[in-house]
PDB file of all heavy atoms in Angstrom:
ATOM      1  N   GLY A   1      -8.634 -17.076  39.669  1.00  0.00           N
ATOM      2  CA  GLY A   1      -8.267 -18.182  40.510  1.00  0.00           C
ATOM      3  C   GLY A   1      -9.463 -18.765  41.138  1.00  0.00           C
ATOM      4  O   GLY A   1     -10.349 -18.030  41.710  1.00  0.00           O
ATOM      5  N   VAL A   2      -9.513 -20.053  41.275  1.00  0.00           N
ATOM      6  CA  VAL A   2     -10.694 -20.747  41.951  1.00  0.00           C
ATOM      7  C   VAL A   2     -10.245 -21.298  43.291  1.00  0.00           C
ATOM      8  O   VAL A   2     -10.842 -20.994  44.303  1.00  0.00           O
ATOM      9  CB  VAL A   2     -11.197 -21.880  41.023  1.00  0.00           C
ATOM     10  CG1 VAL A   2     -12.268 -22.673  41.735  1.00  0.00           C
ATOM     11  CG2 VAL A   2     -11.739 -21.337  39.781  1.00  0.00           C
ATOM     12  N   ALA A   3      -9.199 -22.062  43.272  1.00  0.00           N
ATOM     13  CA  ALA A   3      -8.695 -22.651  44.504  1.00  0.00           C
ATOM     14  C   ALA A   3      -7.265 -22.956  44.335  1.00  0.00           C
ATOM     15  O   ALA A   3      -6.685 -23.324  43.340  1.00  0.00           O
ATOM     16  CB  ALA A   3      -9.379 -23.958  44.929  1.00  0.00           C
ATOM     17  N   VAL A   4      -6.532 -22.770  45.462  1.00  0.00           N
ATOM     18  CA  VAL A   4      -5.060 -23.008  45.511  1.00  0.00           C
ATOM     19  C   VAL A   4      -4.845 -23.751  46.731  1.00  0.00           C
ATOM     20  O   VAL A   4      -5.294 -23.549  47.893  1.00  0.00           O
ATOM     21  CB  VAL A   4      -4.382 -21.585  45.530  1.00  0.00           C
ATOM     22  CG1 VAL A   4      -2.717 -21.841  45.943  1.00  0.00           C
ATOM     23  CG2 VAL A   4      -4.389 -20.985  44.114  1.00  0.00           C
ATOM     24  N   MET A   5      -3.717 -24.674  46.705  1.00  0.00           N
ATOM     25  CA  MET A   5      -3.251 -25.443  47.806  1.00  0.00           C
ATOM     26  C   MET A   5      -1.551 -25.205  47.688  1.00  0.00           C
ATOM     27  O   MET A   5      -1.072 -25.507  46.796  1.00  0.00           O
ATOM     28  CB  MET A   5      -3.520 -26.955  47.579  1.00  0.00           C
ATOM     29  CG  MET A   5      -2.799 -27.825  48.659  1.00  0.00           C
ATOM     30  SD  MET A   5      -3.313 -29.575  48.494  1.00  0.00           S
ATOM     31  CE  MET A   5      -4.996 -29.580  49.259  1.00  0.00           C
ATOM     32  N   GLY A   6      -1.216 -24.765  48.831  1.00  0.00           N
ATOM     33  CA  GLY A   6       0.173 -24.570  49.019  1.00  0.00           C
ATOM     34  C   GLY A   6       0.934 -25.863  49.216  1.00  0.00           C
ATOM     35  O   GLY A   6       0.236 -26.778  49.522  1.00  0.00           O
ATOM     36  N   ARG A   7       2.239 -25.801  49.144  1.00  0.00           N
ATOM     37  CA  ARG A   7       3.012 -27.048  49.346  1.00  0.00           C
ATOM     38  C   ARG A   7       2.890 -27.510  50.854  1.00  0.00           C
ATOM     39  O   ARG A   7       3.048 -28.801  50.964  1.00  0.00           O
ATOM     40  CB  ARG A   7       4.544 -26.790  49.162  1.00  0.00           C
ATOM     41  CG  ARG A   7       4.805 -26.685  47.559  1.00  0.00           C
ATOM     42  CD  ARG A   7       6.325 -26.520  47.368  1.00  0.00           C
ATOM     43  NE  ARG A   7       6.792 -25.064  47.847  1.00  0.00           N
ATOM     44  CZ  ARG A   7       8.004 -24.868  47.751  1.00  0.00           C
ATOM     45  NH1 ARG A   7       9.064 -25.694  47.450  1.00  0.00           N
ATOM     46  NH2 ARG A   7       8.362 -23.590  48.108  1.00  0.00           N
ATOM     47  N   ASN A   8       2.521 -26.611  51.714  1.00  0.00           N
ATOM     48  CA  ASN A   8       2.224 -27.111  53.061  1.00  0.00           C
ATOM     49  C   ASN A   8       0.870 -27.549  53.199  1.00  0.00           C
ATOM     50  O   ASN A   8       0.636 -27.863  54.424  1.00  0.00           O
ATOM     51  CB  ASN A   8       2.672 -25.872  53.944  1.00  0.00           C
ATOM     52  CG  ASN A   8       1.662 -24.715  53.743  1.00  0.00           C
ATOM     53  OD1 ASN A   8       0.878 -24.631  52.829  1.00  0.00           O
ATOM     54  ND2 ASN A   8       1.946 -23.553  54.578  1.00  0.00           N
ATOM     55  N   GLY A   9       0.093 -27.676  52.238  1.00  0.00           N
ATOM     56  CA  GLY A   9      -1.268 -28.175  52.381  1.00  0.00           C
ATOM     57  C   GLY A   9      -2.312 -27.065  52.616  1.00  0.00           C
ATOM     58  O   GLY A   9      -3.492 -27.320  52.667  1.00  0.00           O
ATOM     59  N   TYR A  10      -1.958 -25.880  52.929  1.00  0.00           N
ATOM     60  CA  TYR A  10      -2.804 -24.815  53.198  1.00  0.00           C
ATOM     61  C   TYR A  10      -3.706 -24.573  51.921  1.00  0.00           C
ATOM     62  O   TYR A  10      -3.024 -24.367  50.900  1.00  0.00           O
ATOM     63  CB  TYR A  10      -2.114 -23.568  53.630  1.00  0.00           C
ATOM     64  CG  TYR A  10      -3.047 -22.467  54.131  1.00  0.00           C
ATOM     65  CD1 TYR A  10      -3.536 -22.404  55.391  1.00  0.00           C
ATOM     66  CD2 TYR A  10      -3.423 -21.525  53.266  1.00  0.00           C
ATOM     67  CE1 TYR A  10      -4.369 -21.480  55.744  1.00  0.00           C
ATOM     68  CE2 TYR A  10      -4.353 -20.426  53.723  1.00  0.00           C
ATOM     69  CZ  TYR A  10      -4.790 -20.374  55.052  1.00  0.00           C
ATOM     70  OH  TYR A  10      -5.618 -19.490  55.435  1.00  0.00           O
ATOM     71  N   THR A  11      -4.998 -24.347  52.002  1.00  0.00           N
ATOM     72  CA  THR A  11      -5.825 -24.108  50.992  1.00  0.00           C
ATOM     73  C   THR A  11      -6.551 -22.772  51.052  1.00  0.00           C
ATOM     74  O   THR A  11      -6.827 -22.269  52.202  1.00  0.00           O
ATOM     75  CB  THR A  11      -6.934 -25.190  50.775  1.00  0.00           C
ATOM     76  OG1 THR A  11      -7.744 -25.279  51.968  1.00  0.00           O
ATOM     77  CG2 THR A  11      -6.287 -26.555  50.666  1.00  0.00           C
ATOM     78  N   SER A  12      -6.940 -22.174  49.907  1.00  0.00           N
ATOM     79  CA  SER A  12      -7.647 -20.959  49.773  1.00  0.00           C
ATOM     80  C   SER A  12      -8.573 -21.018  48.689  1.00  0.00           C
ATOM     81  O   SER A  12      -8.220 -21.676  47.647  1.00  0.00           O
ATOM     82  CB  SER A  12      -6.670 -19.777  49.737  1.00  0.00           C
ATOM     83  OG  SER A  12      -5.805 -19.786  48.643  1.00  0.00           O
ATOM     84  N   TYR A  13      -9.761 -20.370  48.729  1.00  0.00           N
ATOM     85  CA  TYR A  13     -10.669 -20.280  47.674  1.00  0.00           C
ATOM     86  C   TYR A  13     -11.073 -19.054  47.320  1.00  0.00           C
ATOM     87  O   TYR A  13     -11.215 -18.068  48.229  1.00  0.00           O
ATOM     88  CB  TYR A  13     -11.871 -21.223  48.235  1.00  0.00           C
ATOM     89  CG  TYR A  13     -11.499 -22.628  48.357  1.00  0.00           C
ATOM     90  CD1 TYR A  13     -11.052 -22.929  49.790  1.00  0.00           C
ATOM     91  CD2 TYR A  13     -11.757 -23.629  47.463  1.00  0.00           C
ATOM     92  CE1 TYR A  13     -10.818 -24.522  50.049  1.00  0.00           C
ATOM     93  CE2 TYR A  13     -11.444 -25.017  47.705  1.00  0.00           C
ATOM     94  CZ  TYR A  13     -11.030 -25.394  49.050  1.00  0.00           C
ATOM     95  OH  TYR A  13     -10.722 -26.629  49.281  1.00  0.00           O
ATOM     96  N   ALA A  14     -11.587 -18.968  46.077  1.00  0.00           N
ATOM     97  CA  ALA A  14     -12.341 -17.671  45.642  1.00  0.00           C
ATOM     98  C   ALA A  14     -13.715 -17.613  46.405  1.00  0.00           C
ATOM     99  O   ALA A  14     -14.237 -18.622  46.747  1.00  0.00           O
ATOM    100  CB  ALA A  14     -12.623 -17.774  44.193  1.00  0.00           C
ATOM    101  N   ASP A  15     -14.133 -16.435  46.790  1.00  0.00           N
ATOM    102  CA  ASP A  15     -15.367 -16.263  47.495  1.00  0.00           C
ATOM    103  C   ASP A  15     -16.523 -16.970  46.750  1.00  0.00           C
ATOM    104  O   ASP A  15     -17.432 -17.418  47.380  1.00  0.00           O
ATOM    105  CB  ASP A  15     -15.643 -14.855  47.756  1.00  0.00           C
ATOM    106  CG  ASP A  15     -14.683 -14.219  48.829  1.00  0.00           C
ATOM    107  OD1 ASP A  15     -14.080 -15.024  49.688  1.00  0.00           O
ATOM    108  OD2 ASP A  15     -14.655 -12.921  48.868  1.00  0.00           O
ATOM    109  N   SER A  16     -16.473 -16.845  45.444  1.00  0.00           N
ATOM    110  CA  SER A  16     -17.611 -17.388  44.660  1.00  0.00           C
ATOM    111  C   SER A  16     -17.755 -18.829  44.863  1.00  0.00           C
ATOM    112  O   SER A  16     -18.941 -19.421  44.575  1.00  0.00           O
ATOM    113  CB  SER A  16     -17.487 -16.987  43.209  1.00  0.00           C
ATOM    114  OG  SER A  16     -16.170 -17.418  42.696  1.00  0.00           O
ATOM    115  N   VAL A  17     -16.717 -19.590  45.202  1.00  0.00           N
ATOM    116  CA  VAL A  17     -16.888 -21.125  45.231  1.00  0.00           C
ATOM    117  C   VAL A  17     -16.599 -21.557  46.714  1.00  0.00           C
ATOM    118  O   VAL A  17     -16.890 -22.823  46.818  1.00  0.00           O
ATOM    119  CB  VAL A  17     -15.788 -21.712  44.321  1.00  0.00           C
ATOM    120  CG1 VAL A  17     -15.969 -21.249  42.895  1.00  0.00           C
ATOM    121  CG2 VAL A  17     -14.431 -21.472  44.877  1.00  0.00           C
ATOM    122  N   LYS A  18     -16.317 -20.703  47.575  1.00  0.00           N
ATOM    123  CA  LYS A  18     -16.156 -21.303  49.005  1.00  0.00           C
ATOM    124  C   LYS A  18     -17.324 -21.946  49.631  1.00  0.00           C
ATOM    125  O   LYS A  18     -18.528 -21.333  49.376  1.00  0.00           O
ATOM    126  CB  LYS A  18     -15.688 -19.928  49.834  1.00  0.00           C
ATOM    127  CG  LYS A  18     -15.169 -20.397  51.122  1.00  0.00           C
ATOM    128  CD  LYS A  18     -14.490 -19.102  51.860  1.00  0.00           C
ATOM    129  CE  LYS A  18     -13.543 -18.375  50.968  1.00  0.00           C
ATOM    130  NZ  LYS A  18     -12.970 -17.226  51.722  1.00  0.00           N
ATOM    131  N   GLY A  19     -17.110 -22.986  50.102  1.00  0.00           N
ATOM    132  CA  GLY A  19     -18.169 -23.975  50.678  1.00  0.00           C
ATOM    133  C   GLY A  19     -18.899 -24.773  49.655  1.00  0.00           C
ATOM    134  O   GLY A  19     -19.445 -25.690  50.070  1.00  0.00           O
ATOM    135  N   ARG A  20     -18.470 -24.612  48.356  1.00  0.00           N
ATOM    136  CA  ARG A  20     -19.084 -25.616  47.336  1.00  0.00           C
ATOM    137  C   ARG A  20     -17.926 -26.418  46.659  1.00  0.00           C
ATOM    138  O   ARG A  20     -18.208 -27.495  46.237  1.00  0.00           O
ATOM    139  CB  ARG A  20     -19.832 -24.707  46.190  1.00  0.00           C
ATOM    140  CG  ARG A  20     -20.987 -23.979  46.811  1.00  0.00           C
ATOM    141  CD  ARG A  20     -21.920 -23.298  45.615  1.00  0.00           C
ATOM    142  NE  ARG A  20     -20.981 -22.413  44.806  1.00  0.00           N
ATOM    143  CZ  ARG A  20     -20.696 -22.551  43.553  1.00  0.00           C
ATOM    144  NH1 ARG A  20     -20.995 -23.671  42.888  1.00  0.00           N
ATOM    145  NH2 ARG A  20     -19.957 -21.574  42.966  1.00  0.00           N
ATOM    146  N   PHE A  21     -16.710 -25.841  46.503  1.00  0.00           N
ATOM    147  CA  PHE A  21     -15.589 -26.553  45.971  1.00  0.00           C
ATOM    148  C   PHE A  21     -14.569 -26.978  46.872  1.00  0.00           C
ATOM    149  O   PHE A  21     -14.472 -26.374  47.879  1.00  0.00           O
ATOM    150  CB  PHE A  21     -14.933 -25.559  44.865  1.00  0.00           C
ATOM    151  CG  PHE A  21     -15.875 -25.320  43.638  1.00  0.00           C
ATOM    152  CD1 PHE A  21     -17.179 -25.709  43.555  1.00  0.00           C
ATOM    153  CD2 PHE A  21     -15.219 -24.632  42.476  1.00  0.00           C
ATOM    154  CE1 PHE A  21     -18.008 -25.386  42.413  1.00  0.00           C
ATOM    155  CE2 PHE A  21     -15.874 -24.326  41.485  1.00  0.00           C
ATOM    156  CZ  PHE A  21     -17.285 -24.754  41.406  1.00  0.00           C
ATOM    157  N   THR A  22     -14.002 -28.110  46.637  1.00  0.00           N
ATOM    158  CA  THR A  22     -12.804 -28.600  47.479  1.00  0.00           C
ATOM    159  C   THR A  22     -11.593 -28.933  46.787  1.00  0.00           C
ATOM    160  O   THR A  22     -11.890 -29.696  45.804  1.00  0.00           O
ATOM    161  CB  THR A  22     -13.362 -29.679  48.348  1.00  0.00           C
ATOM    162  OG1 THR A  22     -14.424 -29.301  49.219  1.00  0.00           O
ATOM    163  CG2 THR A  22     -12.266 -30.039  49.324  1.00  0.00           C
ATOM    164  N   ILE A  23     -10.539 -28.274  47.029  1.00  0.00           N
ATOM    165  CA  ILE A  23      -9.231 -28.713  46.413  1.00  0.00           C
ATOM    166  C   ILE A  23      -8.571 -29.812  47.182  1.00  0.00           C
ATOM    167  O   ILE A  23      -8.536 -29.695  48.396  1.00  0.00           O
ATOM    168  CB  ILE A  23      -8.417 -27.587  46.025  1.00  0.00           C
ATOM    169  CG1 ILE A  23      -7.148 -27.918  45.131  1.00  0.00           C
ATOM    170  CG2 ILE A  23      -7.916 -26.786  47.301  1.00  0.00           C
ATOM    171  CD1 ILE A  23      -6.295 -26.813  44.655  1.00  0.00           C
ATOM    172  N   SER A  24      -8.043 -30.745  46.521  1.00  0.00           N
ATOM    173  CA  SER A  24      -7.266 -31.792  47.239  1.00  0.00           C
ATOM    174  C   SER A  24      -6.109 -32.390  46.244  1.00  0.00           C
ATOM    175  O   SER A  24      -6.175 -32.172  45.113  1.00  0.00           O
ATOM    176  CB  SER A  24      -8.193 -32.915  47.716  1.00  0.00           C
ATOM    177  OG  SER A  24      -8.827 -33.662  46.661  1.00  0.00           O
ATOM    178  N   LYS A  25      -5.215 -33.123  47.045  1.00  0.00           N
ATOM    179  CA  LYS A  25      -4.132 -33.639  46.143  1.00  0.00           C
ATOM    180  C   LYS A  25      -3.766 -34.987  46.699  1.00  0.00           C
ATOM    181  O   LYS A  25      -3.712 -35.311  47.865  1.00  0.00           O
ATOM    182  CB  LYS A  25      -2.916 -32.740  46.252  1.00  0.00           C
ATOM    183  CG  LYS A  25      -1.702 -33.002  45.419  1.00  0.00           C
ATOM    184  CD  LYS A  25      -0.690 -31.890  45.528  1.00  0.00           C
ATOM    185  CE  LYS A  25      -0.207 -31.612  46.931  1.00  0.00           C
ATOM    186  NZ  LYS A  25       0.857 -30.704  46.883  1.00  0.00           N
ATOM    187  N   ASP A  26      -3.385 -35.867  45.730  1.00  0.00           N
ATOM    188  CA  ASP A  26      -2.817 -37.233  46.088  1.00  0.00           C
ATOM    189  C   ASP A  26      -1.385 -37.206  45.516  1.00  0.00           C
ATOM    190  O   ASP A  26      -1.337 -37.469  44.340  1.00  0.00           O
ATOM    191  CB  ASP A  26      -3.807 -38.271  45.420  1.00  0.00           C
ATOM    192  CG  ASP A  26      -3.385 -39.776  45.918  1.00  0.00           C
ATOM    193  OD1 ASP A  26      -2.217 -39.829  46.271  1.00  0.00           O
ATOM    194  OD2 ASP A  26      -4.164 -40.584  45.855  1.00  0.00           O
ATOM    195  N   ASN A  27      -0.451 -36.978  46.417  1.00  0.00           N
ATOM    196  CA  ASN A  27       0.946 -37.042  45.960  1.00  0.00           C
ATOM    197  C   ASN A  27       1.270 -38.303  45.446  1.00  0.00           C
ATOM    198  O   ASN A  27       2.230 -38.449  44.430  1.00  0.00           O
ATOM    199  CB  ASN A  27       1.808 -36.598  47.110  1.00  0.00           C
ATOM    200  CG  ASN A  27       1.705 -35.143  47.347  1.00  0.00           C
ATOM    201  OD1 ASN A  27       1.405 -34.251  46.452  1.00  0.00           O
ATOM    202  ND2 ASN A  27       1.948 -34.747  48.653  1.00  0.00           N
ATOM    203  N   ALA A  28       0.850 -39.434  45.957  1.00  0.00           N
ATOM    204  CA  ALA A  28       1.177 -40.828  45.484  1.00  0.00           C
ATOM    205  C   ALA A  28       0.930 -41.011  44.028  1.00  0.00           C
ATOM    206  O   ALA A  28       1.611 -41.718  43.389  1.00  0.00           O
ATOM    207  CB  ALA A  28       0.581 -41.924  46.348  1.00  0.00           C
ATOM    208  N   LYS A  29      -0.216 -40.396  43.696  1.00  0.00           N
ATOM    209  CA  LYS A  29      -0.817 -40.557  42.266  1.00  0.00           C
ATOM    210  C   LYS A  29      -0.323 -39.300  41.415  1.00  0.00           C
ATOM    211  O   LYS A  29      -0.663 -39.321  40.278  1.00  0.00           O
ATOM    212  CB  LYS A  29      -2.363 -40.745  42.288  1.00  0.00           C
ATOM    213  CG  LYS A  29      -2.920 -41.968  43.001  1.00  0.00           C
ATOM    214  CD  LYS A  29      -4.414 -42.186  42.843  1.00  0.00           C
ATOM    215  CE  LYS A  29      -4.833 -43.353  43.327  1.00  0.00           C
ATOM    216  NZ  LYS A  29      -6.316 -43.550  43.381  1.00  0.00           N
ATOM    217  N   ASN A  30       0.202 -38.392  41.972  1.00  0.00           N
ATOM    218  CA  ASN A  30       0.675 -37.180  41.348  1.00  0.00           C
ATOM    219  C   ASN A  30      -0.636 -36.564  40.678  1.00  0.00           C
ATOM    220  O   ASN A  30      -0.670 -36.250  39.398  1.00  0.00           O
ATOM    221  CB  ASN A  30       1.691 -37.286  40.358  1.00  0.00           C
ATOM    222  CG  ASN A  30       2.915 -36.290  40.530  1.00  0.00           C
ATOM    223  OD1 ASN A  30       3.115 -35.866  41.637  1.00  0.00           O
ATOM    224  ND2 ASN A  30       3.448 -35.987  39.363  1.00  0.00           N
ATOM    225  N   THR A  31      -1.684 -36.492  41.412  1.00  0.00           N
ATOM    226  CA  THR A  31      -2.942 -36.041  40.818  1.00  0.00           C
ATOM    227  C   THR A  31      -3.553 -35.036  41.804  1.00  0.00           C
ATOM    228  O   THR A  31      -3.746 -35.128  43.009  1.00  0.00           O
ATOM    229  CB  THR A  31      -3.963 -37.057  40.642  1.00  0.00           C
ATOM    230  OG1 THR A  31      -3.350 -38.081  39.821  1.00  0.00           O
ATOM    231  CG2 THR A  31      -5.359 -36.629  40.071  1.00  0.00           C
ATOM    232  N   LEU A  32      -4.000 -33.802  41.241  1.00  0.00           N
ATOM    233  CA  LEU A  32      -4.862 -32.701  41.862  1.00  0.00           C
ATOM    234  C   LEU A  32      -6.302 -32.923  41.534  1.00  0.00           C
ATOM    235  O   LEU A  32      -6.583 -33.188  40.369  1.00  0.00           O
ATOM    236  CB  LEU A  32      -4.212 -31.392  41.427  1.00  0.00           C
ATOM    237  CG  LEU A  32      -4.807 -30.150  42.119  1.00  0.00           C
ATOM    238  CD1 LEU A  32      -4.326 -30.052  43.484  1.00  0.00           C
ATOM    239  CD2 LEU A  32      -4.638 -28.937  41.208  1.00  0.00           C
ATOM    240  N   TYR A  33      -7.216 -32.665  42.475  1.00  0.00           N
ATOM    241  CA  TYR A  33      -8.556 -32.754  42.319  1.00  0.00           C
ATOM    242  C   TYR A  33      -9.202 -31.364  42.657  1.00  0.00           C
ATOM    243  O   TYR A  33      -8.746 -30.644  43.408  1.00  0.00           O
ATOM    244  CB  TYR A  33      -9.100 -33.829  43.149  1.00  0.00           C
ATOM    245  CG  TYR A  33      -8.563 -35.240  42.906  1.00  0.00           C
ATOM    246  CD1 TYR A  33      -7.517 -35.617  43.779  1.00  0.00           C
ATOM    247  CD2 TYR A  33      -8.914 -36.021  41.907  1.00  0.00           C
ATOM    248  CE1 TYR A  33      -7.012 -36.892  43.641  1.00  0.00           C
ATOM    249  CE2 TYR A  33      -8.446 -37.193  41.710  1.00  0.00           C
ATOM    250  CZ  TYR A  33      -7.392 -37.710  42.498  1.00  0.00           C
ATOM    251  OH  TYR A  33      -6.913 -39.017  42.304  1.00  0.00           O
ATOM    252  N   LEU A  34     -10.465 -31.196  41.948  1.00  0.00           N
ATOM    253  CA  LEU A  34     -11.190 -30.167  42.360  1.00  0.00           C
ATOM    254  C   LEU A  34     -12.664 -30.772  42.381  1.00  0.00           C
ATOM    255  O   LEU A  34     -13.316 -31.048  41.368  1.00  0.00           O
ATOM    256  CB  LEU A  34     -11.304 -29.054  41.435  1.00  0.00           C
ATOM    257  CG  LEU A  34     -12.163 -27.824  41.810  1.00  0.00           C
ATOM    258  CD1 LEU A  34     -11.621 -27.196  43.039  1.00  0.00           C
ATOM    259  CD2 LEU A  34     -12.306 -26.867  40.706  1.00  0.00           C
ATOM    260  N   GLN A  35     -13.144 -31.017  43.663  1.00  0.00           N
ATOM    261  CA  GLN A  35     -14.501 -31.503  43.891  1.00  0.00           C
ATOM    262  C   GLN A  35     -15.431 -30.220  43.777  1.00  0.00           C
ATOM    263  O   GLN A  35     -15.408 -29.428  44.613  1.00  0.00           O
ATOM    264  CB  GLN A  35     -14.624 -32.164  45.163  1.00  0.00           C
ATOM    265  CG  GLN A  35     -16.001 -32.742  45.388  1.00  0.00           C
ATOM    266  CD  GLN A  35     -16.637 -33.861  44.469  1.00  0.00           C
ATOM    267  OE1 GLN A  35     -15.762 -34.771  44.228  1.00  0.00           O
ATOM    268  NE2 GLN A  35     -17.791 -33.728  44.077  1.00  0.00           N
ATOM    269  N   MET A  36     -16.368 -30.315  42.863  1.00  0.00           N
ATOM    270  CA  MET A  36     -17.341 -29.121  42.645  1.00  0.00           C
ATOM    271  C   MET A  36     -18.704 -29.608  42.998  1.00  0.00           C
ATOM    272  O   MET A  36     -19.364 -30.568  42.334  1.00  0.00           O
ATOM    273  CB  MET A  36     -17.273 -28.696  41.224  1.00  0.00           C
ATOM    274  CG  MET A  36     -15.950 -28.211  40.937  1.00  0.00           C
ATOM    275  SD  MET A  36     -15.745 -27.437  39.331  1.00  0.00           S
ATOM    276  CE  MET A  36     -16.214 -28.874  38.233  1.00  0.00           C
ATOM    277  N   ASP A  37     -19.469 -29.082  44.005  1.00  0.00           N
ATOM    278  CA  ASP A  37     -20.666 -29.444  44.406  1.00  0.00           C
ATOM    279  C   ASP A  37     -21.617 -28.362  44.331  1.00  0.00           C
ATOM    280  O   ASP A  37     -21.139 -27.056  44.188  1.00  0.00           O
ATOM    281  CB  ASP A  37     -20.826 -30.046  45.858  1.00  0.00           C
ATOM    282  CG  ASP A  37     -19.926 -31.200  46.127  1.00  0.00           C
ATOM    283  OD1 ASP A  37     -19.971 -32.135  45.206  1.00  0.00           O
ATOM    284  OD2 ASP A  37     -19.262 -31.417  47.129  1.00  0.00           O
ATOM    285  N   SER A  38     -22.925 -28.487  44.353  1.00  0.00           N
ATOM    286  CA  SER A  38     -23.936 -27.458  44.215  1.00  0.00           C
ATOM    287  C   SER A  38     -23.597 -26.513  43.092  1.00  0.00           C
ATOM    288  O   SER A  38     -23.566 -25.319  43.220  1.00  0.00           O
ATOM    289  CB  SER A  38     -23.968 -26.573  45.528  1.00  0.00           C
ATOM    290  OG  SER A  38     -24.417 -27.539  46.486  1.00  0.00           O
ATOM    291  N   LEU A  39     -23.262 -27.060  41.870  1.00  0.00           N
ATOM    292  CA  LEU A  39     -22.838 -26.301  40.709  1.00  0.00           C
ATOM    293  C   LEU A  39     -24.053 -25.373  40.199  1.00  0.00           C
ATOM    294  O   LEU A  39     -25.121 -25.679  40.333  1.00  0.00           O
ATOM    295  CB  LEU A  39     -22.440 -27.212  39.499  1.00  0.00           C
ATOM    296  CG  LEU A  39     -21.114 -27.833  39.760  1.00  0.00           C
ATOM    297  CD1 LEU A  39     -20.857 -29.073  38.817  1.00  0.00           C
ATOM    298  CD2 LEU A  39     -19.975 -26.762  39.477  1.00  0.00           C
ATOM    299  N   LYS A  40     -23.514 -24.170  39.771  1.00  0.00           N
ATOM    300  CA  LYS A  40     -24.403 -23.168  39.296  1.00  0.00           C
ATOM    301  C   LYS A  40     -24.078 -22.861  37.849  1.00  0.00           C
ATOM    302  O   LYS A  40     -22.924 -22.981  37.394  1.00  0.00           O
ATOM    303  CB  LYS A  40     -24.270 -21.764  40.018  1.00  0.00           C
ATOM    304  CG  LYS A  40     -24.442 -22.050  41.661  1.00  0.00           C
ATOM    305  CD  LYS A  40     -24.171 -20.777  42.225  1.00  0.00           C
ATOM    306  CE  LYS A  40     -24.327 -20.933  43.868  1.00  0.00           C
ATOM    307  NZ  LYS A  40     -24.059 -19.679  44.541  1.00  0.00           N
ATOM    308  N   PRO A  41     -24.978 -22.322  37.010  1.00  0.00           N
ATOM    309  CA  PRO A  41     -24.731 -21.899  35.583  1.00  0.00           C
ATOM    310  C   PRO A  41     -23.500 -21.049  35.605  1.00  0.00           C
ATOM    311  O   PRO A  41     -22.742 -21.053  34.653  1.00  0.00           O
ATOM    312  CB  PRO A  41     -25.930 -21.214  35.170  1.00  0.00           C
ATOM    313  CG  PRO A  41     -27.059 -21.925  35.908  1.00  0.00           C
ATOM    314  CD  PRO A  41     -26.517 -22.177  37.314  1.00  0.00           C
ATOM    315  N   GLU A  42     -23.299 -20.162  36.492  1.00  0.00           N
ATOM    316  CA  GLU A  42     -22.212 -19.124  36.484  1.00  0.00           C
ATOM    317  C   GLU A  42     -20.930 -19.882  36.799  1.00  0.00           C
ATOM    318  O   GLU A  42     -19.880 -19.185  36.532  1.00  0.00           O
ATOM    319  CB  GLU A  42     -22.389 -18.066  37.499  1.00  0.00           C
ATOM    320  CG  GLU A  42     -22.781 -18.532  38.876  1.00  0.00           C
ATOM    321  CD  GLU A  42     -24.274 -18.466  39.151  1.00  0.00           C
ATOM    322  OE1 GLU A  42     -24.885 -18.914  38.318  1.00  0.00           O
ATOM    323  OE2 GLU A  42     -24.499 -18.008  40.334  1.00  0.00           O
ATOM    324  N   ASP A  43     -20.829 -21.223  37.131  1.00  0.00           N
ATOM    325  CA  ASP A  43     -19.607 -21.919  37.111  1.00  0.00           C
ATOM    326  C   ASP A  43     -19.113 -22.315  35.805  1.00  0.00           C
ATOM    327  O   ASP A  43     -18.010 -22.902  35.632  1.00  0.00           O
ATOM    328  CB  ASP A  43     -19.798 -23.126  38.046  1.00  0.00           C
ATOM    329  CG  ASP A  43     -19.952 -22.724  39.531  1.00  0.00           C
ATOM    330  OD1 ASP A  43     -19.332 -21.766  40.033  1.00  0.00           O
ATOM    331  OD2 ASP A  43     -20.836 -23.428  40.107  1.00  0.00           O
ATOM    332  N   THR A  44     -20.012 -22.186  34.758  1.00  0.00           N
ATOM    333  CA  THR A  44     -19.585 -22.619  33.514  1.00  0.00           C
ATOM    334  C   THR A  44     -18.309 -21.910  33.084  1.00  0.00           C
ATOM    335  O   THR A  44     -18.269 -20.699  32.929  1.00  0.00           O
ATOM    336  CB  THR A  44     -20.727 -22.461  32.420  1.00  0.00           C
ATOM    337  OG1 THR A  44     -21.947 -23.193  32.770  1.00  0.00           O
ATOM    338  CG2 THR A  44     -20.272 -22.656  31.108  1.00  0.00           C
TER     339      THR A  44
END
């Protein structure tokens, strides 16, 4: 698991990506996003 967003909007992250990845959701577009910054080879 990398990141999870509950129905109430609460988010949680794996320690390995915390501070670098952000999970978000646009309900109007029915789209989930994962913004990944400062990527590392181990993220492959």
